[in-house]
Amino acid sequence: MEKFVLKGPDYTNPIPDESIASFLHPFFVQNIDNGDLFTDVDNNKNLTYREFFTKICRCAEAMKNIGIKKGDVVTISSENDVNYFVPIFGALYIGAIVVPTNFTYTEFELLHSLKTIKPNIVFCSSNSLETFLGIKKDFPAIKKLVVIDTEDKLEGSESLEAFINSNSPQIDPITYKAVPVNAKEDVAFILFSSGTTGLPKAVMITHWNYNARTNLQFEKSIMREVAGKNVLGILPFFHAYGLSIGMGVAIPGKKIIVVKYFDPLTYLKLIQDYKMEILFAVPPLMHFLAKSPIVDEFDLSGLKEIICGAGALTESVENAVKKRLKVNSIRQGFGMTETTLGVTFTPVEAFRPGSCGKLLPGISAIVRDPETGKLLGPNAAGELCFKGPVIMKGYYNNPEANKEIFTEDGWLKTGDIGYYDNDGFFFIVDRLKELIKYKGFQVAPSELEGILLTNPKIKDAAVIGKPHERDGEHPLAFVVKQDDVELTENEVINYVAGFVSKRKQLHGGVIFTDDIPKNPSGKILRRELRELIKKKMSKL
C-alpha cells in the first residue's frame, strides 16, 4: 500500500453494472404486494408498492411517447409528496437524466439552474407551478409542465394522472424493461452543489455511482437490520440525503411517511404513533431532540438508532440526545454531493466520540497538506481527499471547476480539514473551503456578495458563516456603505431576501465596516472576519 493512502474494505457484493432501474427492478417485484410504500398522513394519500411500481413504468412509457429519450433532462421541483419519486424512477427506466431542484428557489436562482441543464420536461408541485410558468418562455425545449400533487386542471399544465393516462397504455410492471445504459459513463442524476465557490454547480452522478451507494445496504458491517417497517420522510427529497433515503427504501420493503414541512408536534407525534425504530436526521433536528421541552411529552421509546448527516454534529448534542432518548446508537457519516453522499460512516457497534466514522467499502483517502500537496499520516490535520466508485463523474459543462476540485492524479478535494487516528477513524476539524453550511444546505458567500454589490448604496461586501449551535452557520454580511448614504441592517437583509430563497438569506445579520480585509491580489481574507466574529461572540 502506498504510504499514507488509507483504504476502506472491499465490497461484499460486486457493484451492479447496469442502470439504477434495472438494479432496483427485482426489489419492486419482490415487494409488489407489500402494502403501502408512501403515506402522506396530512392529506390522507397513499401509494402501495403495486400502485407505485405500475405508475413509474407508465410514467416512463408516457415520457417516451411524447418524445423524451435517453439522455434527455427530466426536472422535478416539489415539496415532499407521495408522487415525488414517480417521475424520478420513470426517467431512470428510459435512461433520461433526473435533475431535482430546490422548490424554494426564487426565479433568479432557478434561472441559473435551468440555463445550465436545459430541461425537456418539468414535474412540479402546484406551489412551484407559477414560477415555472413565468420562465417557461425562455426554455423552448420544455415539452410539458406536469403537476404531481393534485389532479385538478391548472392553467398551463396537466396533472400527473392526466399525463400518464393520456400518453401511456396499461402496463404489466413486472415484465417492463429498463433502457440499457453504460453504467459507468451515463449520467443518472444532476444534483446542484455549490462546490467550493460561486453559484451552484451541476454535479453529474452516474448509474454506477448510485449503484455503488445503494449497494452499501447489503454490507452487514455497515447497515444493521432494523425491524421497524416505517421510515420518516421529512428530509427534503431534492437534497442528496433525502433523495438517497427515498431511492433505497424499496430494497428492505419499508414504508415512508411523507412530511412536507417540519412542525415540532407533528414530527414527534409521527415518531410516536408509527413506532419509528430508526431516524434519519440532520444536526438541527438533533438539536431540537436534545433541547426542546415538548420532546418529553411524547413516547419515543421505540427508537433504536439515529443516523445523522449533512453537517457536523457536536459531541455535546450527540450525548444529550443519547441520554434523553436512551438511544445508544447514533451514527454519523461524512460526505458531500460530489461523493454521492457518504465516504465515511460509523461502523456497527464501533463508536468513537466526535468521529464521523471509518472509510466505507471501495473508498480510498489521503490527508493532504493544502499548501504543499504533501501526504500526511495519522493524527495530522490536512485537506481530506477521496477516490472510489461513488465519486462524481464531474461538474456538467464546467471544466474550470473540475480542474479545481480534482488533483492531477484524480483525488477529489473536499475542502474540509480533518485527520484520521491510528485506528482509521476520521475527524473533521475545520473547513478550508468558503461554503457556509446552513441546516445542512450549502450557501456560497460569493453568490450573496455578488447580489450585495448590485445595491447602489453598497461599496464593498463580504459574507461569512456565523457559528450557530442549532443551524450550523448563519450567513453574515460585512458591508461597506457608499459615502454619504443612509443604509440600515434591515434594508440590506430585505434586499438580499428579494433575490434568494430563505436558506440563503442573511440570518446572521449585517455588520457595517469601513473596509473589507483583502490580500494583495484582492482575495477576501475571510479568516480575519471569522476571527473577529469569534472574539465578539466570546464577549457575549
Protein backbone atom coordinates (compact mmCIF):
# COMPACT_ATOMS: atom_id res chain seq x y z
CA MET A 1 0.00 0.00 0.00
CA GLU A 2 1.27 3.43 -0.86
CA LYS A 3 2.39 5.28 2.25
CA PHE A 4 -0.36 7.34 3.87
CA VAL A 5 -3.08 6.15 1.48
CA LEU A 6 -5.91 4.76 3.59
CA LYS A 7 -8.29 2.20 2.04
CA GLY A 8 -11.71 1.01 3.09
CA PRO A 9 -12.76 -2.66 2.87
CA ASP A 10 -13.79 -4.31 -0.38
CA TYR A 11 -17.46 -4.62 -1.26
CA THR A 12 -19.02 -7.92 -0.19
CA ASN A 13 -21.11 -7.88 -3.37
CA PRO A 14 -19.94 -6.51 -6.73
CA ILE A 15 -21.39 -3.17 -7.83
CA PRO A 16 -24.20 -3.81 -10.36
CA ASP A 17 -23.01 -2.79 -13.82
CA GLU A 18 -26.48 -1.79 -15.05
CA SER A 19 -28.96 1.05 -14.82
CA ILE A 20 -30.36 2.02 -11.42
CA ALA A 21 -33.80 0.98 -12.65
CA SER A 22 -32.56 -2.48 -13.67
CA PHE A 23 -30.78 -2.87 -10.33
CA LEU A 24 -33.86 -1.98 -8.26
CA HIS A 25 -36.49 -3.63 -10.51
CA PRO A 26 -36.28 -7.07 -8.78
CA PHE A 27 -36.88 -5.44 -5.38
CA PHE A 28 -40.07 -3.78 -6.66
CA VAL A 29 -41.17 -7.16 -7.99
CA GLN A 30 -40.31 -8.86 -4.70
CA ASN A 31 -42.24 -6.27 -2.65
CA ILE A 32 -45.14 -5.68 -5.05
CA ASP A 33 -47.73 -6.98 -2.56
CA ASN A 34 -46.02 -5.45 0.48
CA GLY A 35 -48.70 -2.84 1.20
CA ASP A 36 -48.08 0.90 1.34
CA LEU A 37 -44.77 2.34 0.15
CA PHE A 38 -45.63 6.04 0.62
CA THR A 39 -48.14 7.51 3.07
CA ASP A 40 -48.99 11.20 3.49
CA VAL A 41 -50.98 11.41 6.71
CA ASP A 42 -51.75 15.13 6.33
CA ASN A 43 -53.56 14.67 3.02
CA ASN A 44 -54.65 11.08 3.56
CA LYS A 45 -52.83 9.93 0.41
CA ASN A 46 -51.20 6.55 -0.04
CA LEU A 47 -49.30 4.68 -2.73
CA THR A 48 -48.92 0.95 -2.40
CA TYR A 49 -45.89 -0.82 -3.83
CA ARG A 50 -48.05 -2.18 -6.67
CA GLU A 51 -49.55 1.24 -7.45
CA PHE A 52 -46.16 2.95 -7.36
CA PHE A 53 -44.43 0.28 -9.44
CA THR A 54 -47.19 0.45 -12.06
CA LYS A 55 -47.21 4.23 -12.03
CA ILE A 56 -43.45 4.63 -12.58
CA CYS A 57 -43.50 2.24 -15.54
CA ARG A 58 -46.48 4.01 -17.10
CA CYS A 59 -44.84 7.40 -16.47
CA ALA A 60 -41.72 6.11 -18.24
CA GLU A 61 -43.82 4.99 -21.20
CA ALA A 62 -45.72 8.30 -21.25
CA MET A 63 -42.46 10.25 -21.41
CA LYS A 64 -41.21 8.04 -24.23
CA ASN A 65 -44.44 8.59 -26.13
CA ILE A 66 -44.10 12.39 -26.06
CA GLY A 67 -40.51 12.19 -27.27
CA ILE A 68 -38.43 12.11 -24.07
CA LYS A 69 -35.48 9.81 -24.73
CA LYS A 70 -32.24 8.52 -23.26
CA GLY A 71 -30.01 11.43 -22.24
CA ASP A 72 -32.83 14.00 -22.10
CA VAL A 73 -33.29 16.01 -18.89
CA VAL A 74 -36.24 15.49 -16.54
CA THR A 75 -36.55 18.15 -13.82
CA ILE A 76 -38.60 17.84 -10.65
CA SER A 77 -39.34 20.73 -8.29
CA SER A 78 -41.70 19.95 -5.45
CA GLU A 79 -42.18 19.63 -1.74
CA ASN A 80 -42.05 16.05 -0.46
CA ASP A 81 -45.02 14.17 -1.90
CA VAL A 82 -46.15 10.56 -2.36
CA ASN A 83 -45.72 11.06 -6.12
CA TYR A 84 -42.26 12.65 -5.92
CA PHE A 85 -40.35 9.55 -6.98
CA VAL A 86 -42.74 8.57 -9.79
CA PRO A 87 -41.12 10.77 -12.47
CA ILE A 88 -37.67 10.07 -10.99
CA PHE A 89 -37.91 6.32 -11.46
CA GLY A 90 -39.83 6.80 -14.70
CA ALA A 91 -36.92 8.82 -16.07
CA LEU A 92 -34.37 6.26 -14.88
CA TYR A 93 -36.26 3.48 -16.69
CA ILE A 94 -35.85 5.31 -20.02
CA GLY A 95 -32.26 6.43 -19.40
CA ALA A 96 -33.14 10.11 -19.00
CA ILE A 97 -31.21 12.34 -16.60
CA VAL A 98 -33.01 13.35 -13.40
CA VAL A 99 -32.47 16.88 -12.06
CA PRO A 100 -34.18 17.63 -8.73
CA THR A 101 -34.24 21.35 -7.94
CA ASN A 102 -34.94 23.18 -4.71
CA PHE A 103 -38.65 24.02 -4.66
CA THR A 104 -37.95 27.17 -2.63
CA TYR A 105 -35.74 28.66 -5.34
CA THR A 106 -36.65 32.14 -6.47
CA GLU A 107 -36.91 32.85 -10.20
CA PHE A 108 -33.39 34.33 -10.09
CA GLU A 109 -31.90 31.10 -8.64
CA LEU A 110 -34.00 28.79 -10.77
CA LEU A 111 -32.97 30.53 -13.99
CA HIS A 112 -29.31 29.81 -13.28
CA SER A 113 -30.01 26.12 -12.72
CA LEU A 114 -32.24 25.68 -15.76
CA LYS A 115 -29.85 27.55 -18.07
CA THR A 116 -27.21 25.04 -17.04
CA ILE A 117 -29.18 21.84 -17.65
CA LYS A 118 -31.90 22.88 -20.19
CA PRO A 119 -34.75 20.53 -19.16
CA ASN A 120 -37.01 18.73 -21.64
CA ILE A 121 -39.91 18.18 -19.21
CA VAL A 122 -40.69 19.56 -15.75
CA PHE A 123 -42.62 17.84 -12.97
CA CYS A 124 -43.54 20.27 -10.20
CA SER A 125 -45.91 20.94 -7.34
CA SER A 126 -48.86 23.31 -7.59
CA ASN A 127 -46.89 25.76 -5.43
CA SER A 128 -43.92 25.70 -7.82
CA LEU A 129 -46.01 25.93 -10.99
CA GLU A 130 -46.29 29.74 -11.06
CA THR A 131 -42.51 30.16 -11.09
CA PHE A 132 -42.13 27.74 -14.00
CA LEU A 133 -44.96 29.35 -15.95
CA GLY A 134 -43.14 32.66 -15.60
CA ILE A 135 -39.92 31.36 -17.13
CA LYS A 136 -41.11 28.63 -19.50
CA LYS A 137 -40.99 31.00 -22.48
CA ASP A 138 -37.21 31.18 -22.04
CA PHE A 139 -36.90 27.40 -22.35
CA PRO A 140 -38.48 26.18 -25.60
CA ALA A 141 -37.12 22.66 -25.05
CA ILE A 142 -39.63 22.08 -22.22
CA LYS A 143 -42.36 19.92 -23.74
CA LYS A 144 -44.72 19.90 -20.74
CA LEU A 145 -45.25 21.13 -17.19
CA VAL A 146 -46.75 18.30 -15.13
CA VAL A 147 -48.12 18.90 -11.62
CA ILE A 148 -47.65 15.94 -9.27
CA ASP A 149 -49.62 16.90 -6.14
CA THR A 150 -53.13 17.49 -7.47
CA GLU A 151 -55.49 16.04 -10.04
CA ASP A 152 -57.01 19.46 -10.68
CA LYS A 153 -56.50 21.06 -14.08
CA LEU A 154 -54.21 24.05 -13.57
CA GLU A 155 -53.58 26.58 -16.30
CA GLY A 156 -50.51 25.90 -18.46
CA SER A 157 -50.01 22.38 -17.13
CA GLU A 158 -51.56 18.97 -16.69
CA SER A 159 -51.76 16.69 -13.68
CA LEU A 160 -49.56 13.62 -13.34
CA GLU A 161 -52.63 11.37 -13.57
CA ALA A 162 -53.81 13.06 -16.78
CA PHE A 163 -50.33 12.96 -18.27
CA ILE A 164 -49.98 9.22 -17.63
CA ASN A 165 -53.49 8.30 -18.70
CA SER A 166 -53.34 10.26 -21.95
CA ASN A 167 -49.89 9.08 -23.00
CA SER A 168 -49.46 5.54 -21.72
CA PRO A 169 -51.40 2.29 -22.07
CA GLN A 170 -51.89 -0.08 -19.17
CA ILE A 171 -48.61 -1.88 -18.41
CA ASP A 172 -47.54 -5.01 -16.55
CA PRO A 173 -44.72 -3.58 -14.41
CA ILE A 174 -43.22 -6.99 -13.67
CA THR A 175 -42.22 -7.51 -17.30
CA TYR A 176 -41.35 -3.88 -18.05
CA LYS A 177 -37.73 -3.43 -19.16
CA ALA A 178 -35.41 -0.52 -18.48
CA VAL A 179 -33.49 1.05 -21.34
CA PRO A 180 -29.87 -0.25 -21.27
CA VAL A 181 -27.19 2.23 -20.21
CA ASN A 182 -23.43 2.41 -19.85
CA ALA A 183 -23.50 2.48 -16.04
CA LYS A 184 -20.02 3.93 -15.57
CA GLU A 185 -20.43 6.71 -18.14
CA ASP A 186 -24.13 7.58 -18.44
CA VAL A 187 -25.39 10.24 -16.04
CA ALA A 188 -28.41 9.32 -13.90
CA PHE A 189 -28.69 12.47 -11.78
CA ILE A 190 -27.53 16.05 -11.91
CA LEU A 191 -27.61 17.48 -8.39
CA PHE A 192 -26.79 21.09 -7.66
CA SER A 193 -23.97 21.80 -5.27
CA SER A 194 -22.01 24.96 -4.63
CA GLY A 195 -18.73 23.05 -4.83
CA THR A 196 -16.21 25.31 -3.14
CA THR A 197 -17.16 28.74 -4.51
CA GLY A 198 -19.63 30.52 -6.76
CA LEU A 199 -23.12 29.77 -7.96
CA PRO A 200 -24.43 26.20 -7.69
CA LYS A 201 -22.60 23.72 -9.91
CA ALA A 202 -24.22 20.76 -11.66
CA VAL A 203 -22.85 17.53 -10.18
CA MET A 204 -23.03 14.55 -12.56
CA ILE A 205 -23.84 11.30 -10.75
CA THR A 206 -23.70 8.17 -12.92
CA HIS A 207 -25.74 4.99 -12.59
CA TRP A 208 -22.54 3.32 -11.35
CA ASN A 209 -22.10 5.99 -8.64
CA TYR A 210 -25.62 5.47 -7.33
CA ASN A 211 -25.47 1.69 -7.56
CA ALA A 212 -22.27 1.78 -5.50
CA ARG A 213 -24.08 3.91 -2.91
CA THR A 214 -27.20 1.71 -2.85
CA ASN A 215 -25.10 -1.46 -2.74
CA LEU A 216 -23.94 -0.45 0.74
CA GLN A 217 -27.34 -1.55 2.06
CA PHE A 218 -26.13 -5.14 1.68
CA GLU A 219 -22.96 -4.56 3.73
CA LYS A 220 -23.79 -6.07 7.11
CA SER A 221 -20.80 -4.42 8.75
CA ILE A 222 -22.43 -1.08 7.91
CA MET A 223 -26.21 -1.49 7.78
CA ARG A 224 -27.74 -3.28 10.75
CA GLU A 225 -31.11 -4.99 10.48
CA VAL A 226 -33.84 -2.66 11.78
CA ALA A 227 -37.12 -4.43 12.41
CA GLY A 228 -39.37 -1.41 12.18
CA LYS A 229 -41.24 -1.00 8.91
CA ASN A 230 -41.65 2.78 8.93
CA VAL A 231 -39.22 5.50 7.85
CA LEU A 232 -39.94 9.19 8.34
CA GLY A 233 -39.54 11.08 5.06
CA ILE A 234 -39.02 14.58 6.43
CA LEU A 235 -35.66 15.42 4.84
CA PRO A 236 -36.22 17.24 1.52
CA PHE A 237 -36.29 14.73 -1.33
CA PHE A 238 -34.41 17.14 -3.63
CA HIS A 239 -31.43 17.06 -1.24
CA ALA A 240 -28.92 14.25 -1.81
CA TYR A 241 -29.62 12.84 1.68
CA GLY A 242 -33.41 12.75 1.35
CA LEU A 243 -33.15 11.52 -2.23
CA SER A 244 -30.96 8.60 -1.14
CA ILE A 245 -33.44 7.54 1.54
CA GLY A 246 -36.34 7.53 -0.91
CA MET A 247 -34.34 5.71 -3.59
CA GLY A 248 -33.25 2.87 -1.34
CA VAL A 249 -36.28 2.20 0.84
CA ALA A 250 -37.76 -0.36 -1.58
CA ILE A 251 -34.87 -2.78 -1.02
CA PRO A 252 -35.86 -3.73 2.55
CA GLY A 253 -39.57 -3.23 1.77
CA LYS A 254 -40.20 -0.40 4.20
CA LYS A 255 -42.77 2.41 4.16
CA ILE A 256 -42.04 6.15 4.01
CA ILE A 257 -44.24 8.50 6.00
CA VAL A 258 -44.09 11.63 3.83
CA VAL A 259 -43.78 15.00 5.58
CA LYS A 260 -43.78 18.26 3.60
CA TYR A 261 -42.66 20.69 6.29
CA PHE A 262 -41.19 20.39 9.74
CA ASP A 263 -43.67 21.01 12.55
CA PRO A 264 -42.40 20.06 16.03
CA LEU A 265 -45.62 18.49 17.32
CA THR A 266 -46.31 16.60 14.08
CA TYR A 267 -42.72 15.35 13.92
CA LEU A 268 -42.79 13.92 17.44
CA LYS A 269 -46.31 12.50 17.08
CA LEU A 270 -45.33 10.61 13.92
CA ILE A 271 -42.27 9.10 15.60
CA GLN A 272 -44.51 8.03 18.49
CA ASP A 273 -47.57 6.81 16.58
CA TYR A 274 -45.66 4.93 13.88
CA LYS A 275 -43.26 3.47 16.46
CA MET A 276 -40.20 4.58 14.50
CA GLU A 277 -37.14 2.48 15.26
CA ILE A 278 -34.73 4.43 13.08
CA LEU A 279 -34.46 8.15 12.34
CA PHE A 280 -32.53 9.85 9.57
CA ALA A 281 -31.61 13.27 10.88
CA VAL A 282 -29.52 16.40 10.37
CA PRO A 283 -27.87 18.47 13.14
CA PRO A 284 -30.78 20.98 13.53
CA LEU A 285 -33.18 18.08 14.20
CA MET A 286 -30.72 16.59 16.70
CA HIS A 287 -30.52 19.96 18.44
CA PHE A 288 -34.33 20.01 18.63
CA LEU A 289 -34.43 16.49 20.12
CA ALA A 290 -31.76 17.45 22.64
CA LYS A 291 -33.24 20.71 23.89
CA SER A 292 -36.94 21.19 23.10
CA PRO A 293 -39.12 20.82 26.22
CA ILE A 294 -42.01 19.30 24.24
CA VAL A 295 -39.97 16.17 23.43
CA ASP A 296 -40.75 14.82 26.90
CA GLU A 297 -44.49 14.88 26.14
CA PHE A 298 -44.16 12.01 23.63
CA ASP A 299 -43.26 8.34 23.88
CA LEU A 300 -40.18 7.87 21.68
CA SER A 301 -39.04 4.73 23.45
CA GLY A 302 -39.24 2.68 20.24
CA LEU A 303 -36.20 4.44 18.78
CA LYS A 304 -33.19 2.17 18.45
CA GLU A 305 -30.92 4.13 16.12
CA ILE A 306 -30.39 7.62 14.71
CA ILE A 307 -28.28 8.30 11.62
CA CYS A 308 -27.10 11.90 11.29
CA GLY A 309 -25.56 13.55 8.26
CA ALA A 310 -25.39 16.72 6.10
CA GLY A 311 -23.39 18.60 8.72
CA ALA A 312 -21.17 18.26 11.76
CA LEU A 313 -22.88 17.06 14.94
CA THR A 314 -21.22 18.26 18.12
CA GLU A 315 -20.33 15.67 20.73
CA SER A 316 -22.34 17.55 23.36
CA VAL A 317 -25.57 17.40 21.32
CA GLU A 318 -24.96 13.73 20.46
CA ASN A 319 -24.55 12.87 24.15
CA ALA A 320 -27.60 14.92 25.13
CA VAL A 321 -29.82 13.02 22.64
CA LYS A 322 -28.43 9.66 23.77
CA LYS A 323 -29.14 10.47 27.41
CA ARG A 324 -32.59 11.95 26.82
CA LEU A 325 -33.97 9.37 24.39
CA LYS A 326 -31.95 6.42 25.71
CA VAL A 327 -30.71 5.71 22.18
CA ASN A 328 -27.32 4.03 22.29
CA SER A 329 -26.68 4.07 18.55
CA ILE A 330 -26.18 7.49 16.98
CA ARG A 331 -24.04 7.11 13.89
CA GLN A 332 -22.52 9.82 11.75
CA GLY A 333 -21.01 10.00 8.30
CA PHE A 334 -19.04 12.42 6.19
CA GLY A 335 -19.58 13.17 2.53
CA MET A 336 -20.82 15.68 0.01
CA THR A 337 -23.00 15.82 -3.09
CA GLU A 338 -19.87 15.24 -5.19
CA THR A 339 -19.28 11.91 -3.41
CA THR A 340 -22.88 10.67 -3.80
CA LEU A 341 -23.23 11.25 -0.05
CA GLY A 342 -21.04 9.49 2.49
CA VAL A 343 -17.46 8.30 2.15
CA THR A 344 -17.10 7.60 5.87
CA PHE A 345 -19.63 6.16 8.30
CA THR A 346 -19.65 4.91 11.87
CA PRO A 347 -19.40 1.08 11.77
CA VAL A 348 -21.96 -1.03 13.59
CA GLU A 349 -21.13 -1.09 17.31
CA ALA A 350 -17.84 0.81 16.84
CA PHE A 351 -18.35 4.31 18.18
CA ARG A 352 -15.66 6.93 18.62
CA PRO A 353 -16.77 10.24 20.24
CA GLY A 354 -16.59 13.16 17.83
CA SER A 355 -15.72 10.94 14.86
CA CYS A 356 -17.56 10.76 11.54
CA GLY A 357 -16.61 7.10 11.18
CA LYS A 358 -14.30 4.98 9.06
CA LEU A 359 -13.93 4.60 5.30
CA LEU A 360 -16.79 2.87 3.51
CA PRO A 361 -16.16 -0.06 1.15
CA GLY A 362 -14.37 0.83 -2.06
CA ILE A 363 -13.21 4.24 -0.78
CA SER A 364 -9.59 5.41 -0.58
CA ALA A 365 -8.49 8.54 1.26
CA ILE A 366 -5.50 10.77 1.76
CA VAL A 367 -4.91 13.72 4.04
CA ARG A 368 -3.02 16.33 2.07
CA ASP A 369 -1.22 19.50 3.06
CA PRO A 370 -3.29 22.10 1.14
CA GLU A 371 -0.23 24.30 0.58
CA THR A 372 2.44 21.77 -0.47
CA GLY A 373 0.38 18.75 -1.55
CA LYS A 374 2.43 16.53 0.79
CA LEU A 375 0.61 13.46 2.14
CA LEU A 376 0.17 13.43 5.91
CA GLY A 377 0.00 10.44 8.24
CA PRO A 378 -2.26 9.59 11.19
CA ASN A 379 -3.28 12.38 13.58
CA ALA A 380 -2.04 15.13 11.25
CA ALA A 381 -4.70 17.55 10.01
CA GLY A 382 -4.92 18.46 6.35
CA GLU A 383 -7.38 18.54 3.46
CA LEU A 384 -9.37 15.32 3.09
CA CYS A 385 -9.33 13.86 -0.43
CA PHE A 386 -11.07 10.73 -1.72
CA LYS A 387 -11.27 8.26 -4.60
CA GLY A 388 -13.79 5.49 -5.22
CA PRO A 389 -16.87 4.37 -7.14
CA VAL A 390 -19.13 6.99 -5.53
CA ILE A 391 -17.05 9.95 -6.71
CA MET A 392 -18.96 12.07 -9.23
CA LYS A 393 -18.20 11.99 -12.93
CA GLY A 394 -17.58 15.74 -12.70
CA TYR A 395 -19.34 19.08 -12.94
CA TYR A 396 -21.52 19.39 -16.02
CA ASN A 397 -20.07 21.68 -18.69
CA ASN A 398 -17.63 23.26 -16.23
CA PRO A 399 -14.01 22.27 -16.98
CA GLU A 400 -12.57 25.01 -14.77
CA ALA A 401 -14.47 23.77 -11.71
CA ASN A 402 -13.40 20.18 -12.48
CA LYS A 403 -9.79 21.27 -12.67
CA GLU A 404 -10.17 22.99 -9.32
CA ILE A 405 -11.78 20.14 -7.38
CA PHE A 406 -9.64 17.23 -8.65
CA THR A 407 -5.91 16.82 -8.12
CA GLU A 408 -3.77 15.95 -11.14
CA ASP A 409 -3.78 12.29 -10.10
CA GLY A 410 -7.57 12.15 -9.66
CA TRP A 411 -8.23 12.71 -5.95
CA LEU A 412 -11.39 14.68 -5.18
CA LYS A 413 -10.55 17.58 -2.85
CA THR A 414 -13.29 18.11 -0.27
CA GLY A 415 -12.14 21.49 1.03
CA ASP A 416 -12.52 20.13 4.57
CA ILE A 417 -9.69 19.93 7.07
CA GLY A 418 -9.55 16.72 9.09
CA TYR A 419 -7.45 13.77 10.15
CA TYR A 420 -7.67 10.06 10.89
CA ASP A 421 -6.43 8.40 14.06
CA ASN A 422 -4.33 5.25 14.40
CA ASP A 423 -7.47 3.09 14.12
CA GLY A 424 -8.70 4.75 10.91
CA PHE A 425 -11.46 6.86 12.47
CA PHE A 426 -11.91 10.23 10.76
CA PHE A 427 -12.43 13.60 12.44
CA ILE A 428 -13.38 16.95 10.87
CA VAL A 429 -11.72 19.97 12.45
CA ASP A 430 -12.20 22.91 10.08
CA ARG A 431 -13.30 23.91 6.61
CA LEU A 432 -10.77 25.08 4.06
CA LYS A 433 -13.44 25.96 1.55
CA GLU A 434 -15.56 29.03 1.94
CA LEU A 435 -19.01 27.49 1.86
CA ILE A 436 -21.48 28.27 4.62
CA LYS A 437 -23.41 25.25 5.89
CA TYR A 438 -26.92 26.32 6.96
CA LYS A 439 -29.19 23.50 8.19
CA GLY A 440 -27.29 21.04 6.01
CA PHE A 441 -27.58 23.22 2.90
CA GLN A 442 -24.64 24.87 1.19
CA VAL A 443 -24.58 28.64 0.76
CA ALA A 444 -21.86 30.20 -1.40
CA PRO A 445 -20.63 33.54 0.02
CA SER A 446 -19.64 34.76 -3.44
CA GLU A 447 -23.25 34.46 -4.67
CA LEU A 448 -24.52 36.67 -1.83
CA GLU A 449 -21.62 39.09 -2.27
CA GLY A 450 -22.49 39.45 -5.95
CA ILE A 451 -26.07 40.35 -5.01
CA LEU A 452 -24.98 42.83 -2.33
CA LEU A 453 -22.71 44.63 -4.77
CA THR A 454 -25.64 45.30 -7.11
CA ASN A 455 -27.08 47.60 -4.43
CA PRO A 456 -26.02 51.17 -5.37
CA LYS A 457 -25.67 52.08 -1.67
CA ILE A 458 -23.06 49.37 -1.07
CA LYS A 459 -19.39 49.98 -1.92
CA ASP A 460 -17.98 46.60 -0.84
CA ALA A 461 -19.16 43.47 0.93
CA ALA A 462 -18.05 40.11 2.28
CA VAL A 463 -20.11 37.21 3.61
CA ILE A 464 -19.05 34.54 6.10
CA GLY A 465 -20.76 31.89 8.20
CA LYS A 466 -21.53 32.88 11.79
CA PRO A 467 -21.46 29.79 14.04
CA HIS A 468 -24.88 28.73 15.30
CA GLU A 469 -25.41 25.76 17.60
CA ARG A 470 -28.69 24.59 16.07
CA ASP A 471 -28.35 25.51 12.39
CA GLY A 472 -24.59 25.09 11.88
CA GLU A 473 -23.88 28.54 10.45
CA HIS A 474 -25.86 31.68 9.61
CA PRO A 475 -24.84 33.86 6.63
CA LEU A 476 -23.48 37.16 7.97
CA ALA A 477 -22.60 40.15 5.78
CA PHE A 478 -19.88 42.72 6.33
CA VAL A 479 -20.91 45.81 4.37
CA VAL A 480 -19.05 48.98 3.40
CA LYS A 481 -21.54 51.75 2.62
CA GLN A 482 -21.07 54.29 -0.13
CA ASP A 483 -20.09 57.72 1.16
CA ASP A 484 -22.88 59.98 2.43
CA VAL A 485 -25.73 57.43 2.19
CA GLU A 486 -28.15 56.10 4.78
CA LEU A 487 -28.43 52.32 4.91
CA THR A 488 -29.85 50.13 7.68
CA GLU A 489 -29.33 46.48 8.54
CA ASN A 490 -32.96 45.67 7.69
CA GLU A 491 -32.60 47.32 4.28
CA VAL A 492 -29.64 45.10 3.46
CA ILE A 493 -31.32 41.94 4.76
CA ASN A 494 -34.52 42.65 2.80
CA TYR A 495 -32.54 43.49 -0.34
CA VAL A 496 -30.82 40.11 -0.36
CA ALA A 497 -34.10 38.35 0.53
CA GLY A 498 -35.56 39.67 -2.71
CA PHE A 499 -33.12 37.56 -4.71
CA VAL A 500 -32.67 34.30 -2.83
CA SER A 501 -34.61 31.58 -1.05
CA LYS A 502 -34.93 31.58 2.72
CA ARG A 503 -31.96 29.28 3.33
CA LYS A 504 -29.57 31.77 1.73
CA GLN A 505 -30.80 34.89 3.49
CA LEU A 506 -28.68 36.88 5.95
CA HIS A 507 -29.84 35.09 9.10
CA GLY A 508 -26.62 36.16 10.83
CA GLY A 509 -27.33 39.84 10.26
CA VAL A 510 -25.20 42.69 8.90
CA ILE A 511 -22.11 44.40 10.28
CA PHE A 512 -21.18 47.79 8.80
CA THR A 513 -17.46 48.33 8.48
CA ASP A 514 -15.02 50.80 6.94
CA ASP A 515 -13.19 48.25 4.82
CA ILE A 516 -13.04 44.56 3.89
CA PRO A 517 -9.68 42.88 4.62
CA LYS A 518 -8.09 41.53 1.43
CA ASN A 519 -4.75 40.13 0.33
CA PRO A 520 -2.61 41.87 -2.35
CA SER A 521 -4.41 40.01 -5.15
CA GLY A 522 -7.80 41.20 -3.89
CA LYS A 523 -8.98 37.95 -2.29
CA ILE A 524 -11.18 38.48 0.78
CA LEU A 525 -9.43 37.39 3.99
CA ARG A 526 -12.40 35.57 5.46
CA ARG A 527 -10.30 34.04 8.22
CA GLU A 528 -9.78 37.53 9.67
CA LEU A 529 -13.52 38.18 9.57
CA ARG A 530 -14.23 34.83 11.24
CA GLU A 531 -11.73 35.64 13.98
CA LEU A 532 -13.46 38.97 14.53
CA ILE A 533 -16.80 37.21 14.97
CA LYS A 534 -15.28 34.66 17.37
CA LYS A 535 -13.94 37.48 19.56
CA LYS A 536 -17.31 39.25 19.55
CA MET A 537 -19.17 36.06 20.44
CA SER A 538 -16.72 35.20 23.24
CA LYS A 539 -17.54 38.52 24.92
CA LEU A 540 -21.28 37.84 24.98
